[in-house]
């Protein structure tokens, strides 16, 4: 269950990153509320995951999902560069997160 909580936390982290961009574009209450709800849920699920996962592993996987997901969403939603090196390094971050799951 802890790994599921950690994945959910990472997905909310990705949503929070998108909401940061929305707040910069539209400074309205919907964007700001979405930002706080997304990051709040992310921290809640991270805390639930850390009840049984080591802190270092949980934090590394959470940040890996958030950073990689944010970069992928930036490429899909906002036209950020899609170079093969960028995709390679995102894949490396995700493979490191998977590796941490296998060794824990």
Protein backbone atom coordinates (compact mmCIF):
# COMPACT_ATOMS: atom_id res chain seq x y z
CA UNK A 1 0.00 0.00 0.00
CA UNK A 2 2.90 2.36 0.76
CA UNK A 3 4.15 2.20 -2.83
CA UNK A 4 0.67 3.02 -4.11
CA UNK A 5 0.54 6.02 -1.74
CA UNK A 6 3.95 7.09 -3.03
CA UNK A 7 2.85 6.92 -6.66
CA UNK A 8 -0.30 8.91 -5.83
CA UNK A 9 1.87 11.47 -4.03
CA UNK A 10 4.07 11.77 -7.12
CA UNK A 11 1.05 12.26 -9.37
CA UNK A 12 -0.24 15.05 -7.14
CA UNK A 13 3.26 16.55 -7.22
CA UNK A 14 3.08 16.59 -11.01
CA UNK A 15 -0.32 18.27 -10.83
CA UNK A 16 1.10 20.84 -8.43
CA UNK A 17 3.89 21.69 -10.87
CA UNK A 18 1.32 22.26 -13.62
CA UNK A 19 -0.71 24.41 -11.23
CA UNK A 20 2.35 26.60 -10.55
CA UNK A 21 2.37 27.38 -14.28
CA UNK A 22 -1.37 28.08 -14.17
CA UNK A 23 -0.97 30.48 -11.26
CA UNK A 24 1.64 32.40 -13.26
CA UNK A 25 -0.74 32.61 -16.22
CA UNK A 26 -4.03 33.27 -14.39
CA UNK A 27 -3.84 34.66 -10.91
CA UNK A 28 -7.31 33.56 -9.96
CA UNK A 29 -8.72 31.64 -7.02
CA UNK A 30 -9.18 28.41 -9.02
CA UNK A 31 -5.50 28.21 -9.92
CA UNK A 32 -4.34 29.08 -6.42
CA UNK A 33 -6.76 26.60 -4.85
CA UNK A 34 -5.61 23.90 -7.28
CA UNK A 35 -2.02 24.62 -6.35
CA UNK A 36 -2.61 24.26 -2.61
CA UNK A 37 -4.85 21.20 -2.97
CA UNK A 38 -2.36 19.44 -5.26
CA UNK A 39 0.67 20.01 -3.06
CA UNK A 40 -1.33 19.35 0.11
CA UNK A 41 -2.49 15.99 -1.22
CA UNK A 42 1.04 15.24 -2.38
CA UNK A 43 2.46 15.80 1.11
CA UNK A 44 -0.38 13.82 2.71
CA UNK A 45 0.24 10.75 0.54
CA UNK A 46 4.01 11.10 0.96
CA UNK A 47 3.53 11.07 4.73
CA UNK A 48 1.34 7.97 4.48
CA UNK A 49 3.96 6.22 2.36
CA UNK A 50 6.71 7.13 4.81
CA UNK A 51 4.93 5.27 7.60
CA UNK A 52 6.41 2.06 6.20
CA UNK A 53 9.02 3.10 3.62
CA UNK A 54 12.44 4.50 4.51
CA UNK A 55 12.49 8.29 4.33
CA UNK A 56 15.36 8.47 1.84
CA UNK A 57 13.76 6.00 -0.57
CA UNK A 58 10.32 7.60 -0.34
CA UNK A 59 11.66 11.10 -0.85
CA UNK A 60 13.89 10.09 -3.79
CA UNK A 61 11.06 8.30 -5.59
CA UNK A 62 8.59 11.12 -4.86
CA UNK A 63 10.91 13.79 -6.22
CA UNK A 64 11.81 11.59 -9.19
CA UNK A 65 8.16 11.14 -10.16
CA UNK A 66 7.46 14.85 -9.64
CA UNK A 67 10.48 16.09 -11.56
CA UNK A 68 10.19 13.62 -14.43
CA UNK A 69 6.44 14.02 -14.63
CA UNK A 70 6.74 17.79 -14.59
CA UNK A 71 9.25 17.67 -17.42
CA UNK A 72 7.08 15.29 -19.45
CA UNK A 73 3.98 17.41 -18.89
CA UNK A 74 5.96 20.49 -19.92
CA UNK A 75 6.82 18.81 -23.20
CA UNK A 76 3.24 17.66 -23.80
CA UNK A 77 1.26 20.66 -22.57
CA UNK A 78 3.59 23.62 -23.05
CA UNK A 79 5.71 22.77 -26.08
CA UNK A 80 9.00 22.45 -24.22
CA UNK A 81 11.87 20.85 -26.20
CA UNK A 82 11.62 17.10 -26.83
CA UNK A 83 15.25 16.31 -27.57
CA UNK A 84 16.47 12.74 -27.30
CA UNK A 85 18.92 13.71 -24.55
CA UNK A 86 16.15 15.22 -22.47
CA UNK A 87 14.04 12.07 -22.85
CA UNK A 88 17.09 9.91 -22.03
CA UNK A 89 17.77 11.74 -18.78
CA UNK A 90 14.10 11.62 -17.77
CA UNK A 91 14.19 7.86 -18.39
CA UNK A 92 17.30 7.62 -16.21
CA UNK A 93 15.54 9.38 -13.33
CA UNK A 94 12.53 7.07 -13.64
CA UNK A 95 14.72 3.96 -13.85
CA UNK A 96 16.54 5.04 -10.69
CA UNK A 97 13.19 5.33 -8.91
CA UNK A 98 12.24 1.83 -10.07
CA UNK A 99 15.63 0.59 -8.91
CA UNK A 100 15.02 1.98 -5.44
CA UNK A 101 11.77 0.05 -5.27
CA UNK A 102 13.52 -3.21 -6.13
CA UNK A 103 16.21 -2.82 -3.48
CA UNK A 104 13.90 -1.75 -0.64
